[in-house]
PDB file of N, CA and C in Angstrom:
ATOM      1  N   MET A   1     -48.047  -3.885  88.263  1.00  0.00           N
ATOM      2  CA  MET A   1     -47.642  -3.863  86.862  1.00  0.00           C
ATOM      3  C   MET A   1     -46.455  -4.802  86.663  1.00  0.00           C
ATOM      4  N   GLU A   2     -46.554  -5.623  85.661  1.00  0.00           N
ATOM      5  CA  GLU A   2     -45.465  -6.553  85.377  1.00  0.00           C
ATOM      6  C   GLU A   2     -44.333  -5.840  84.656  1.00  0.00           C
ATOM      7  N   HIS A   3     -43.129  -6.339  84.855  1.00  0.00           N
ATOM      8  CA  HIS A   3     -41.966  -5.810  84.158  1.00  0.00           C
ATOM      9  C   HIS A   3     -41.395  -6.938  83.312  1.00  0.00           C
ATOM     10  N   PHE A   4     -41.688  -6.887  82.027  1.00  0.00           N
ATOM     11  CA  PHE A   4     -41.292  -7.948  81.121  1.00  0.00           C
ATOM     12  C   PHE A   4     -39.840  -7.769  80.701  1.00  0.00           C
ATOM     13  N   LYS A   5     -39.138  -8.890  80.639  1.00  0.00           N
ATOM     14  CA  LYS A   5     -37.737  -8.873  80.239  1.00  0.00           C
ATOM     15  C   LYS A   5     -37.549  -9.234  78.773  1.00  0.00           C
ATOM     16  N   SER A   6     -38.589  -9.818  78.157  1.00  0.00           N
ATOM     17  CA  SER A   6     -38.468 -10.223  76.757  1.00  0.00           C
ATOM     18  C   SER A   6     -39.844 -10.220  76.100  1.00  0.00           C
ATOM     19  N   ILE A   7     -39.830 -10.232  74.786  1.00  0.00           N
ATOM     20  CA  ILE A   7     -41.090 -10.318  74.048  1.00  0.00           C
ATOM     21  C   ILE A   7     -41.756 -11.662  74.318  1.00  0.00           C
ATOM     22  N   ASP A   8     -40.980 -12.721  74.418  1.00  0.00           N
ATOM     23  CA  ASP A   8     -41.559 -14.035  74.734  1.00  0.00           C
ATOM     24  C   ASP A   8     -42.302 -14.000  76.064  1.00  0.00           C
ATOM     25  N   GLU A   9     -41.706 -13.363  77.045  1.00  0.00           N
ATOM     26  CA  GLU A   9     -42.336 -13.264  78.357  1.00  0.00           C
ATOM     27  C   GLU A   9     -43.652 -12.482  78.253  1.00  0.00           C
ATOM     28  N   TYR A  10     -43.646 -11.387  77.519  1.00  0.00           N
ATOM     29  CA  TYR A  10     -44.864 -10.590  77.323  1.00  0.00           C
ATOM     30  C   TYR A  10     -45.957 -11.438  76.665  1.00  0.00           C
ATOM     31  N   ILE A  11     -45.615 -12.079  75.560  1.00  0.00           N
ATOM     32  CA  ILE A  11     -46.603 -12.858  74.800  1.00  0.00           C
ATOM     33  C   ILE A  11     -47.172 -13.998  75.643  1.00  0.00           C
ATOM     34  N   SER A  12     -46.352 -14.596  76.474  1.00  0.00           N
ATOM     35  CA  SER A  12     -46.796 -15.756  77.261  1.00  0.00           C
ATOM     36  C   SER A  12     -47.908 -15.422  78.251  1.00  0.00           C
ATOM     37  N   THR A  13     -48.144 -14.158  78.517  1.00  0.00           N
ATOM     38  CA  THR A  13     -49.167 -13.777  79.493  1.00  0.00           C
ATOM     39  C   THR A  13     -50.572 -13.723  78.893  1.00  0.00           C
ATOM     40  N   PHE A  14     -50.705 -13.982  77.600  1.00  0.00           N
ATOM     41  CA  PHE A  14     -51.998 -13.883  76.927  1.00  0.00           C
ATOM     42  C   PHE A  14     -52.557 -15.265  76.584  1.00  0.00           C
ATOM     43  N   PRO A  15     -53.875 -15.340  76.359  1.00  0.00           N
ATOM     44  CA  PRO A  15     -54.476 -16.610  75.924  1.00  0.00           C
ATOM     45  C   PRO A  15     -53.891 -17.049  74.581  1.00  0.00           C
ATOM     46  N   PRO A  16     -53.981 -18.343  74.275  1.00  0.00           N
ATOM     47  CA  PRO A  16     -53.361 -18.877  73.053  1.00  0.00           C
ATOM     48  C   PRO A  16     -53.759 -18.159  71.762  1.00  0.00           C
ATOM     49  N   ASP A  17     -55.021 -17.781  71.604  1.00  0.00           N
ATOM     50  CA  ASP A  17     -55.421 -17.122  70.358  1.00  0.00           C
ATOM     51  C   ASP A  17     -54.755 -15.747  70.211  1.00  0.00           C
ATOM     52  N   ILE A  18     -54.583 -15.037  71.310  1.00  0.00           N
ATOM     53  CA  ILE A  18     -53.905 -13.736  71.264  1.00  0.00           C
ATOM     54  C   ILE A  18     -52.400 -13.939  71.081  1.00  0.00           C
ATOM     55  N   GLN A  19     -51.854 -14.962  71.714  1.00  0.00           N
ATOM     56  CA  GLN A  19     -50.437 -15.273  71.511  1.00  0.00           C
ATOM     57  C   GLN A  19     -50.138 -15.498  70.037  1.00  0.00           C
ATOM     58  N   THR A  20     -51.030 -16.215  69.351  1.00  0.00           N
ATOM     59  CA  THR A  20     -50.839 -16.481  67.923  1.00  0.00           C
ATOM     60  C   THR A  20     -50.790 -15.182  67.136  1.00  0.00           C
ATOM     61  N   ARG A  21     -51.712 -14.280  67.426  1.00  0.00           N
ATOM     62  CA  ARG A  21     -51.753 -12.997  66.717  1.00  0.00           C
ATOM     63  C   ARG A  21     -50.505 -12.159  67.013  1.00  0.00           C
ATOM     64  N   LEU A  22     -50.088 -12.149  68.261  1.00  0.00           N
ATOM     65  CA  LEU A  22     -48.881 -11.401  68.618  1.00  0.00           C
ATOM     66  C   LEU A  22     -47.653 -11.986  67.920  1.00  0.00           C
ATOM     67  N   GLN A  23     -47.576 -13.311  67.850  1.00  0.00           N
ATOM     68  CA  GLN A  23     -46.452 -13.944  67.143  1.00  0.00           C
ATOM     69  C   GLN A  23     -46.493 -13.619  65.651  1.00  0.00           C
ATOM     70  N   GLN A  24     -47.693 -13.551  65.070  1.00  0.00           N
ATOM     71  CA  GLN A  24     -47.807 -13.211  63.650  1.00  0.00           C
ATOM     72  C   GLN A  24     -47.256 -11.814  63.379  1.00  0.00           C
ATOM     73  N   ILE A  25     -47.630 -10.873  64.214  1.00  0.00           N
ATOM     74  CA  ILE A  25     -47.142  -9.511  63.999  1.00  0.00           C
ATOM     75  C   ILE A  25     -45.641  -9.436  64.264  1.00  0.00           C
ATOM     76  N   ARG A  26     -45.173 -10.187  65.251  1.00  0.00           N
ATOM     77  CA  ARG A  26     -43.740 -10.236  65.553  1.00  0.00           C
ATOM     78  C   ARG A  26     -42.952 -10.760  64.354  1.00  0.00           C
ATOM     79  N   VAL A  27     -43.419 -11.834  63.751  1.00  0.00           N
ATOM     80  CA  VAL A  27     -42.742 -12.423  62.585  1.00  0.00           C
ATOM     81  C   VAL A  27     -42.761 -11.449  61.408  1.00  0.00           C
ATOM     82  N   ALA A  28     -43.898 -10.789  61.181  1.00  0.00           N
ATOM     83  CA  ALA A  28     -43.989  -9.817  60.085  1.00  0.00           C
ATOM     84  C   ALA A  28     -42.982  -8.684  60.277  1.00  0.00           C
ATOM     85  N   ILE A  29     -42.844  -8.222  61.504  1.00  0.00           N
ATOM     86  CA  ILE A  29     -41.877  -7.159  61.790  1.00  0.00           C
ATOM     87  C   ILE A  29     -40.459  -7.666  61.569  1.00  0.00           C
ATOM     88  N   HIS A  30     -40.171  -8.830  62.115  1.00  0.00           N
ATOM     89  CA  HIS A  30     -38.824  -9.398  61.973  1.00  0.00           C
ATOM     90  C   HIS A  30     -38.467  -9.635  60.503  1.00  0.00           C
ATOM     91  N   ASP A  31     -39.415 -10.157  59.726  1.00  0.00           N
ATOM     92  CA  ASP A  31     -39.154 -10.410  58.306  1.00  0.00           C
ATOM     93  C   ASP A  31     -38.886  -9.118  57.544  1.00  0.00           C
ATOM     94  N   ALA A  32     -39.569  -8.036  57.929  1.00  0.00           N
ATOM     95  CA  ALA A  32     -39.392  -6.755  57.253  1.00  0.00           C
ATOM     96  C   ALA A  32     -38.139  -6.014  57.730  1.00  0.00           C
ATOM     97  N   ALA A  33     -37.669  -6.354  58.908  1.00  0.00           N
ATOM     98  CA  ALA A  33     -36.485  -5.693  59.484  1.00  0.00           C
ATOM     99  C   ALA A  33     -35.604  -6.742  60.156  1.00  0.00           C
ATOM    100  N   PRO A  34     -34.977  -7.620  59.359  1.00  0.00           N
ATOM    101  CA  PRO A  34     -34.238  -8.745  59.950  1.00  0.00           C
ATOM    102  C   PRO A  34     -33.053  -8.340  60.835  1.00  0.00           C
ATOM    103  N   ARG A  35     -32.549  -7.134  60.681  1.00  0.00           N
ATOM    104  CA  ARG A  35     -31.424  -6.699  61.518  1.00  0.00           C
ATOM    105  C   ARG A  35     -31.884  -5.970  62.786  1.00  0.00           C
ATOM    106  N   ALA A  36     -33.169  -5.769  62.906  1.00  0.00           N
ATOM    107  CA  ALA A  36     -33.697  -5.069  64.081  1.00  0.00           C
ATOM    108  C   ALA A  36     -33.557  -5.935  65.326  1.00  0.00           C
ATOM    109  N   GLU A  37     -33.376  -5.264  66.430  1.00  0.00           N
ATOM    110  CA  GLU A  37     -33.216  -5.936  67.717  1.00  0.00           C
ATOM    111  C   GLU A  37     -34.533  -5.899  68.480  1.00  0.00           C
ATOM    112  N   GLU A  38     -34.909  -7.043  69.025  1.00  0.00           N
ATOM    113  CA  GLU A  38     -36.098  -7.108  69.867  1.00  0.00           C
ATOM    114  C   GLU A  38     -35.775  -6.535  71.235  1.00  0.00           C
ATOM    115  N   THR A  39     -36.749  -5.830  71.800  1.00  0.00           N
ATOM    116  CA  THR A  39     -36.595  -5.278  73.129  1.00  0.00           C
ATOM    117  C   THR A  39     -37.974  -5.102  73.751  1.00  0.00           C
ATOM    118  N   VAL A  40     -38.009  -4.731  74.998  1.00  0.00           N
ATOM    119  CA  VAL A  40     -39.251  -4.346  75.658  1.00  0.00           C
ATOM    120  C   VAL A  40     -39.037  -2.914  76.133  1.00  0.00           C
ATOM    121  N   SER A  41     -39.939  -2.035  75.730  1.00  0.00           N
ATOM    122  CA  SER A  41     -39.854  -0.631  76.087  1.00  0.00           C
ATOM    123  C   SER A  41     -41.247  -0.162  76.485  1.00  0.00           C
ATOM    124  N   TYR A  42     -41.339   0.577  77.566  1.00  0.00           N
ATOM    125  CA  TYR A  42     -42.652   0.972  78.095  1.00  0.00           C
ATOM    126  C   TYR A  42     -43.533  -0.252  78.350  1.00  0.00           C
ATOM    127  N   GLN A  43     -42.904  -1.368  78.692  1.00  0.00           N
ATOM    128  CA  GLN A  43     -43.582  -2.641  78.966  1.00  0.00           C
ATOM    129  C   GLN A  43     -44.353  -3.176  77.755  1.00  0.00           C
ATOM    130  N   MET A  44     -43.886  -2.808  76.564  1.00  0.00           N
ATOM    131  CA  MET A  44     -44.463  -3.322  75.312  1.00  0.00           C
ATOM    132  C   MET A  44     -43.347  -3.903  74.459  1.00  0.00           C
ATOM    133  N   PRO A  45     -43.660  -4.930  73.673  1.00  0.00           N
ATOM    134  CA  PRO A  45     -42.685  -5.418  72.702  1.00  0.00           C
ATOM    135  C   PRO A  45     -42.326  -4.300  71.723  1.00  0.00           C
ATOM    136  N   ALA A  46     -41.053  -4.237  71.389  1.00  0.00           N
ATOM    137  CA  ALA A  46     -40.583  -3.220  70.457  1.00  0.00           C
ATOM    138  C   ALA A  46     -39.437  -3.784  69.636  1.00  0.00           C
ATOM    139  N   PHE A  47     -39.228  -3.166  68.492  1.00  0.00           N
ATOM    140  CA  PHE A  47     -38.082  -3.482  67.659  1.00  0.00           C
ATOM    141  C   PHE A  47     -37.318  -2.191  67.436  1.00  0.00           C
ATOM    142  N   LYS A  48     -35.988  -2.273  67.521  1.00  0.00           N
ATOM    143  CA  LYS A  48     -35.191  -1.081  67.305  1.00  0.00           C
ATOM    144  C   LYS A  48     -34.065  -1.345  66.320  1.00  0.00           C
ATOM    145  N   GLN A  49     -33.794  -0.338  65.532  1.00  0.00           N
ATOM    146  CA  GLN A  49     -32.691  -0.338  64.572  1.00  0.00           C
ATOM    147  C   GLN A  49     -32.422   1.137  64.285  1.00  0.00           C
ATOM    148  N   ASN A  50     -31.313   1.642  64.763  1.00  0.00           N
ATOM    149  CA  ASN A  50     -31.048   3.085  64.698  1.00  0.00           C
ATOM    150  C   ASN A  50     -32.154   3.849  65.415  1.00  0.00           C
ATOM    151  N   GLY A  51     -32.587   3.341  66.531  1.00  0.00           N
ATOM    152  CA  GLY A  51     -33.705   3.904  67.279  1.00  0.00           C
ATOM    153  C   GLY A  51     -34.908   2.974  67.182  1.00  0.00           C
ATOM    154  N   ILE A  52     -35.952   3.319  67.896  1.00  0.00           N
ATOM    155  CA  ILE A  52     -37.160   2.481  67.890  1.00  0.00           C
ATOM    156  C   ILE A  52     -37.810   2.520  66.511  1.00  0.00           C
ATOM    157  N   LEU A  53     -38.150   1.342  66.009  1.00  0.00           N
ATOM    158  CA  LEU A  53     -38.905   1.245  64.751  1.00  0.00           C
ATOM    159  C   LEU A  53     -40.398   1.238  65.054  1.00  0.00           C
ATOM    160  N   VAL A  54     -40.819   0.243  65.834  1.00  0.00           N
ATOM    161  CA  VAL A  54     -42.241   0.067  66.149  1.00  0.00           C
ATOM    162  C   VAL A  54     -42.394  -0.619  67.497  1.00  0.00           C
ATOM    163  N   TYR A  55     -43.561  -0.416  68.075  1.00  0.00           N
ATOM    164  CA  TYR A  55     -44.014  -1.142  69.264  1.00  0.00           C
ATOM    165  C   TYR A  55     -45.292  -1.881  68.876  1.00  0.00           C
ATOM    166  N   PHE A  56     -45.654  -2.893  69.661  1.00  0.00           N
ATOM    167  CA  PHE A  56     -46.975  -3.503  69.522  1.00  0.00           C
ATOM    168  C   PHE A  56     -47.418  -4.032  70.877  1.00  0.00           C
ATOM    169  N   ALA A  57     -48.727  -4.212  71.023  1.00  0.00           N
ATOM    170  CA  ALA A  57     -49.255  -4.667  72.306  1.00  0.00           C
ATOM    171  C   ALA A  57     -50.668  -5.201  72.115  1.00  0.00           C
ATOM    172  N   ALA A  58     -51.078  -6.067  73.015  1.00  0.00           N
ATOM    173  CA  ALA A  58     -52.429  -6.633  72.971  1.00  0.00           C
ATOM    174  C   ALA A  58     -53.326  -5.930  73.979  1.00  0.00           C
ATOM    175  N   PHE A  59     -54.567  -5.731  73.578  1.00  0.00           N
ATOM    176  CA  PHE A  59     -55.589  -5.139  74.431  1.00  0.00           C
ATOM    177  C   PHE A  59     -56.854  -5.983  74.339  1.00  0.00           C
ATOM    178  N   LYS A  60     -57.869  -5.618  75.063  1.00  0.00           N
ATOM    179  CA  LYS A  60     -59.082  -6.435  75.151  1.00  0.00           C
ATOM    180  C   LYS A  60     -59.732  -6.658  73.787  1.00  0.00           C
ATOM    181  N   HIS A  61     -59.754  -5.631  72.939  1.00  0.00           N
ATOM    182  CA  HIS A  61     -60.465  -5.731  71.665  1.00  0.00           C
ATOM    183  C   HIS A  61     -59.591  -5.500  70.434  1.00  0.00           C
ATOM    184  N   HIS A  62     -58.298  -5.260  70.639  1.00  0.00           N
ATOM    185  CA  HIS A  62     -57.446  -4.977  69.483  1.00  0.00           C
ATOM    186  C   HIS A  62     -55.973  -5.263  69.787  1.00  0.00           C
ATOM    187  N   ILE A  63     -55.205  -5.300  68.704  1.00  0.00           N
ATOM    188  CA  ILE A  63     -53.754  -5.279  68.799  1.00  0.00           C
ATOM    189  C   ILE A  63     -53.343  -3.856  68.463  1.00  0.00           C
ATOM    190  N   GLY A  64     -52.605  -3.235  69.360  1.00  0.00           N
ATOM    191  CA  GLY A  64     -52.094  -1.897  69.103  1.00  0.00           C
ATOM    192  C   GLY A  64     -50.762  -1.993  68.397  1.00  0.00           C
ATOM    193  N   PHE A  65     -50.601  -1.178  67.366  1.00  0.00           N
ATOM    194  CA  PHE A  65     -49.355  -1.135  66.592  1.00  0.00           C
ATOM    195  C   PHE A  65     -48.922   0.318  66.575  1.00  0.00           C
ATOM    196  N   TYR A  66     -47.681   0.567  66.954  1.00  0.00           N
ATOM    197  CA  TYR A  66     -47.195   1.921  67.168  1.00  0.00           C
ATOM    198  C   TYR A  66     -45.957   2.189  66.301  1.00  0.00           C
ATOM    199  N   PRO A  67     -46.163   2.678  65.071  1.00  0.00           N
ATOM    200  CA  PRO A  67     -45.045   2.925  64.168  1.00  0.00           C
ATOM    201  C   PRO A  67     -44.539   4.367  64.197  1.00  0.00           C
ATOM    202  N   THR A  68     -44.767   5.072  65.284  1.00  0.00           N
ATOM    203  CA  THR A  68     -44.444   6.490  65.446  1.00  0.00           C
ATOM    204  C   THR A  68     -45.321   7.331  64.510  1.00  0.00           C
ATOM    205  N   PRO A  69     -45.425   8.617  64.769  1.00  0.00           N
ATOM    206  CA  PRO A  69     -46.278   9.462  63.924  1.00  0.00           C
ATOM    207  C   PRO A  69     -45.909   9.429  62.435  1.00  0.00           C
ATOM    208  N   SER A  70     -44.620   9.292  62.134  1.00  0.00           N
ATOM    209  CA  SER A  70     -44.235   9.274  60.707  1.00  0.00           C
ATOM    210  C   SER A  70     -44.802   8.053  59.986  1.00  0.00           C
ATOM    211  N   GLY A  71     -44.865   6.928  60.674  1.00  0.00           N
ATOM    212  CA  GLY A  71     -45.433   5.716  60.076  1.00  0.00           C
ATOM    213  C   GLY A  71     -46.924   5.822  59.850  1.00  0.00           C
ATOM    214  N   ILE A  72     -47.608   6.528  60.721  1.00  0.00           N
ATOM    215  CA  ILE A  72     -49.056   6.749  60.554  1.00  0.00           C
ATOM    216  C   ILE A  72     -49.298   7.693  59.384  1.00  0.00           C
ATOM    217  N   GLU A  73     -48.580   8.799  59.374  1.00  0.00           N
ATOM    218  CA  GLU A  73     -48.782   9.824  58.348  1.00  0.00           C
ATOM    219  C   GLU A  73     -48.502   9.271  56.947  1.00  0.00           C
ATOM    220  N   ALA A  74     -47.422   8.522  56.812  1.00  0.00           N
ATOM    221  CA  ALA A  74     -47.024   8.008  55.498  1.00  0.00           C
ATOM    222  C   ALA A  74     -48.013   7.001  54.926  1.00  0.00           C
ATOM    223  N   PHE A  75     -48.788   6.352  55.787  1.00  0.00           N
ATOM    224  CA  PHE A  75     -49.707   5.295  55.332  1.00  0.00           C
ATOM    225  C   PHE A  75     -51.159   5.597  55.658  1.00  0.00           C
ATOM    226  N   LYS A  76     -51.475   6.865  55.920  1.00  0.00           N
ATOM    227  CA  LYS A  76     -52.832   7.196  56.369  1.00  0.00           C
ATOM    228  C   LYS A  76     -53.903   6.750  55.375  1.00  0.00           C
ATOM    229  N   HIS A  77     -53.600   6.783  54.072  1.00  0.00           N
ATOM    230  CA  HIS A  77     -54.580   6.330  53.075  1.00  0.00           C
ATOM    231  C   HIS A  77     -54.839   4.823  53.181  1.00  0.00           C
ATOM    232  N   LYS A  78     -53.821   4.057  53.518  1.00  0.00           N
ATOM    233  CA  LYS A  78     -53.987   2.606  53.649  1.00  0.00           C
ATOM    234  C   LYS A  78     -54.542   2.211  55.025  1.00  0.00           C
ATOM    235  N   LEU A  79     -54.542   3.142  55.950  1.00  0.00           N
ATOM    236  CA  LEU A  79     -55.001   2.871  57.315  1.00  0.00           C
ATOM    237  C   LEU A  79     -56.421   3.347  57.564  1.00  0.00           C
ATOM    238  N   SER A  80     -57.095   3.809  56.538  1.00  0.00           N
ATOM    239  CA  SER A  80     -58.420   4.410  56.719  1.00  0.00           C
ATOM    240  C   SER A  80     -59.448   3.441  57.306  1.00  0.00           C
ATOM    241  N   ALA A  81     -59.227   2.143  57.174  1.00  0.00           N
ATOM    242  CA  ALA A  81     -60.164   1.150  57.716  1.00  0.00           C
ATOM    243  C   ALA A  81     -59.960   0.900  59.210  1.00  0.00           C
ATOM    244  N   TYR A  82     -58.928   1.505  59.788  1.00  0.00           N
ATOM    245  CA  TYR A  82     -58.577   1.245  61.181  1.00  0.00           C
ATOM    246  C   TYR A  82     -58.659   2.519  62.013  1.00  0.00           C
ATOM    247  N   LYS A  83     -58.901   2.345  63.281  1.00  0.00           N
ATOM    248  CA  LYS A  83     -58.859   3.462  64.210  1.00  0.00           C
ATOM    249  C   LYS A  83     -57.392   3.826  64.412  1.00  0.00           C
ATOM    250  N   THR A  84     -57.067   5.094  64.225  1.00  0.00           N
ATOM    251  CA  THR A  84     -55.692   5.557  64.393  1.00  0.00           C
ATOM    252  C   THR A  84     -55.673   6.815  65.257  1.00  0.00           C
ATOM    253  N   SER A  85     -54.515   7.094  65.780  1.00  0.00           N
ATOM    254  CA  SER A  85     -54.255   8.353  66.461  1.00  0.00           C
ATOM    255  C   SER A  85     -52.897   8.830  65.963  1.00  0.00           C
ATOM    256  N   LYS A  86     -52.341   9.823  66.598  1.00  0.00           N
ATOM    257  CA  LYS A  86     -51.074  10.389  66.138  1.00  0.00           C
ATOM    258  C   LYS A  86     -49.972   9.341  65.966  1.00  0.00           C
ATOM    259  N   GLY A  87     -49.918   8.373  66.865  1.00  0.00           N
ATOM    260  CA  GLY A  87     -48.841   7.387  66.778  1.00  0.00           C
ATOM    261  C   GLY A  87     -49.274   5.950  66.899  1.00  0.00           C
ATOM    262  N   ALA A  88     -50.599   5.684  66.829  1.00  0.00           N
ATOM    263  CA  ALA A  88     -51.093   4.327  67.082  1.00  0.00           C
ATOM    264  C   ALA A  88     -52.118   3.890  66.046  1.00  0.00           C
ATOM    265  N   ILE A  89     -52.140   2.586  65.825  1.00  0.00           N
ATOM    266  CA  ILE A  89     -53.137   1.941  64.965  1.00  0.00           C
ATOM    267  C   ILE A  89     -53.755   0.823  65.786  1.00  0.00           C
ATOM    268  N   GLN A  90     -55.068   0.667  65.679  1.00  0.00           N
ATOM    269  CA  GLN A  90     -55.753  -0.432  66.357  1.00  0.00           C
ATOM    270  C   GLN A  90     -56.229  -1.439  65.323  1.00  0.00           C
ATOM    271  N   PHE A  91     -55.724  -2.672  65.436  1.00  0.00           N
ATOM    272  CA  PHE A  91     -56.169  -3.767  64.586  1.00  0.00           C
ATOM    273  C   PHE A  91     -57.156  -4.599  65.400  1.00  0.00           C
ATOM    274  N   PRO A  92     -58.450  -4.543  65.060  1.00  0.00           N
ATOM    275  CA  PRO A  92     -59.462  -5.269  65.846  1.00  0.00           C
ATOM    276  C   PRO A  92     -59.188  -6.773  65.881  1.00  0.00           C
ATOM    277  N   LEU A  93     -59.484  -7.384  67.019  1.00  0.00           N
ATOM    278  CA  LEU A  93     -59.243  -8.817  67.175  1.00  0.00           C
ATOM    279  C   LEU A  93     -60.192  -9.668  66.336  1.00  0.00           C
ATOM    280  N   ASP A  94     -61.309  -9.089  65.897  1.00  0.00           N
ATOM    281  CA  ASP A  94     -62.266  -9.862  65.102  1.00  0.00           C
ATOM    282  C   ASP A  94     -62.002  -9.753  63.602  1.00  0.00           C
ATOM    283  N   GLN A  95     -60.833  -9.224  63.231  1.00  0.00           N
ATOM    284  CA  GLN A  95     -60.440  -9.115  61.823  1.00  0.00           C
ATOM    285  C   GLN A  95     -59.039  -9.682  61.647  1.00  0.00           C
ATOM    286  N   PRO A  96     -58.742 -10.169  60.430  1.00  0.00           N
ATOM    287  CA  PRO A  96     -57.375 -10.647  60.187  1.00  0.00           C
ATOM    288  C   PRO A  96     -56.367  -9.499  60.317  1.00  0.00           C
ATOM    289  N   LEU A  97     -55.182  -9.812  60.791  1.00  0.00           N
ATOM    290  CA  LEU A  97     -54.134  -8.801  60.857  1.00  0.00           C
ATOM    291  C   LEU A  97     -53.653  -8.461  59.452  1.00  0.00           C
ATOM    292  N   PRO A  98     -53.467  -7.197  59.126  1.00  0.00           N
ATOM    293  CA  PRO A  98     -52.952  -6.809  57.812  1.00  0.00           C
ATOM    294  C   PRO A  98     -51.417  -6.922  57.792  1.00  0.00           C
ATOM    295  N   LEU A  99     -50.930  -8.145  57.774  1.00  0.00           N
ATOM    296  CA  LEU A  99     -49.497  -8.374  57.958  1.00  0.00           C
ATOM    297  C   LEU A  99     -48.655  -7.784  56.833  1.00  0.00           C
ATOM    298  N   ASP A 100     -49.169  -7.761  55.612  1.00  0.00           N
ATOM    299  CA  ASP A 100     -48.426  -7.126  54.516  1.00  0.00           C
ATOM    300  C   ASP A 100     -48.275  -5.632  54.759  1.00  0.00           C
ATOM    301  N   LEU A 101     -49.333  -5.004  55.252  1.00  0.00           N
ATOM    302  CA  LEU A 101     -49.277  -3.578  55.566  1.00  0.00           C
ATOM    303  C   LEU A 101     -48.318  -3.325  56.735  1.00  0.00           C
ATOM    304  N   VAL A 102     -48.357  -4.170  57.743  1.00  0.00           N
ATOM    305  CA  VAL A 102     -47.423  -4.049  58.867  1.00  0.00           C
ATOM    306  C   VAL A 102     -45.986  -4.085  58.344  1.00  0.00           C
ATOM    307  N   ALA A 103     -45.697  -5.047  57.478  1.00  0.00           N
ATOM    308  CA  ALA A 103     -44.342  -5.178  56.927  1.00  0.00           C
ATOM    309  C   ALA A 103     -43.957  -3.950  56.112  1.00  0.00           C
ATOM    310  N   GLU A 104     -44.879  -3.436  55.351  1.00  0.00           N
ATOM    311  CA  GLU A 104     -44.614  -2.243  54.537  1.00  0.00           C
ATOM    312  C   GLU A 104     -44.290  -1.042  55.436  1.00  0.00           C
ATOM    313  N   ILE A 105     -45.048  -0.877  56.500  1.00  0.00           N
ATOM    314  CA  ILE A 105     -44.800   0.218  57.434  1.00  0.00           C
ATOM    315  C   ILE A 105     -43.449   0.042  58.120  1.00  0.00           C
ATOM    316  N   VAL A 106     -43.116  -1.182  58.500  1.00  0.00           N
ATOM    317  CA  VAL A 106     -41.832  -1.442  59.157  1.00  0.00           C
ATOM    318  C   VAL A 106     -40.679  -1.119  58.205  1.00  0.00           C
ATOM    319  N   ARG A 107     -40.786  -1.527  56.950  1.00  0.00           N
ATOM    320  CA  ARG A 107     -39.726  -1.200  55.975  1.00  0.00           C
ATOM    321  C   ARG A 107     -39.566   0.317  55.844  1.00  0.00           C
ATOM    322  N   PHE A 108     -40.675   1.036  55.847  1.00  0.00           N
ATOM    323  CA  PHE A 108     -40.637   2.497  55.806  1.00  0.00           C
ATOM    324  C   PHE A 108     -39.903   3.043  57.033  1.00  0.00           C
ATOM    325  N   ARG A 109     -40.208   2.490  58.203  1.00  0.00           N
ATOM    326  CA  ARG A 109     -39.581   2.963  59.438  1.00  0.00           C
ATOM    327  C   ARG A 109     -38.067   2.650  59.443  1.00  0.00           C
ATOM    328  N   VAL A 110     -37.667   1.506  58.898  1.00  0.00           N
ATOM    329  CA  VAL A 110     -36.227   1.190  58.797  1.00  0.00           C
ATOM    330  C   VAL A 110     -35.549   2.246  57.938  1.00  0.00           C
ATOM    331  N   LYS A 111     -36.150   2.542  56.812  1.00  0.00           N
ATOM    332  CA  LYS A 111     -35.576   3.553  55.904  1.00  0.00           C
ATOM    333  C   LYS A 111     -35.547   4.919  56.574  1.00  0.00           C
ATOM    334  N   SER A 112     -36.603   5.278  57.267  1.00  0.00           N
ATOM    335  CA  SER A 112     -36.644   6.564  57.975  1.00  0.00           C
ATOM    336  C   SER A 112     -35.561   6.652  59.033  1.00  0.00           C
ATOM    337  N   ASN A 113     -35.404   5.587  59.811  1.00  0.00           N
ATOM    338  CA  ASN A 113     -34.393   5.605  60.868  1.00  0.00           C
ATOM    339  C   ASN A 113     -32.967   5.606  60.335  1.00  0.00           C
ATOM    340  N   SER A 114     -32.764   5.059  59.154  1.00  0.00           N
ATOM    341  CA  SER A 114     -31.401   5.011  58.619  1.00  0.00           C
ATOM    342  C   SER A 114     -31.007   6.346  58.002  1.00  0.00           C
ATOM    343  N   SER A 115     -31.981   7.214  57.716  1.00  0.00           N
ATOM    344  CA  SER A 115     -31.670   8.497  57.103  1.00  0.00           C
ATOM    345  C   SER A 115     -31.594   9.634  58.107  1.00  0.00           C
ATOM    346  N   THR A 116     -31.778   9.315  59.384  1.00  0.00           N
ATOM    347  CA  THR A 116     -31.726  10.388  60.384  1.00  0.00           C
ATOM    348  C   THR A 116     -30.379  10.472  61.039  1.00  0.00           C
TER     349      THR A 116
END
């Protein structure tokens, strides 16, 4: 198992088309939470601001996005087109990333973390 020291290092291990998608989600998160700090946690890219906001990761058939259970619950109506679990969303690789929705969820998580 690799131990990544940065999000750049993590992204660099994927083919160019997946790198592009990972960078897109990274930019969407950063734009929605410009004060958030990039980190690697559980060997996945993560952003934190008053605690972890979100994680993301690449898999064989999807990009996993992990906005904690509160992020899933708050947007369950908008996530109905995606496979979800208690704390995860799967964005299939054969579909465009819903970057506006990602940003909306991240803004929600920033607000949630600032009120705790």
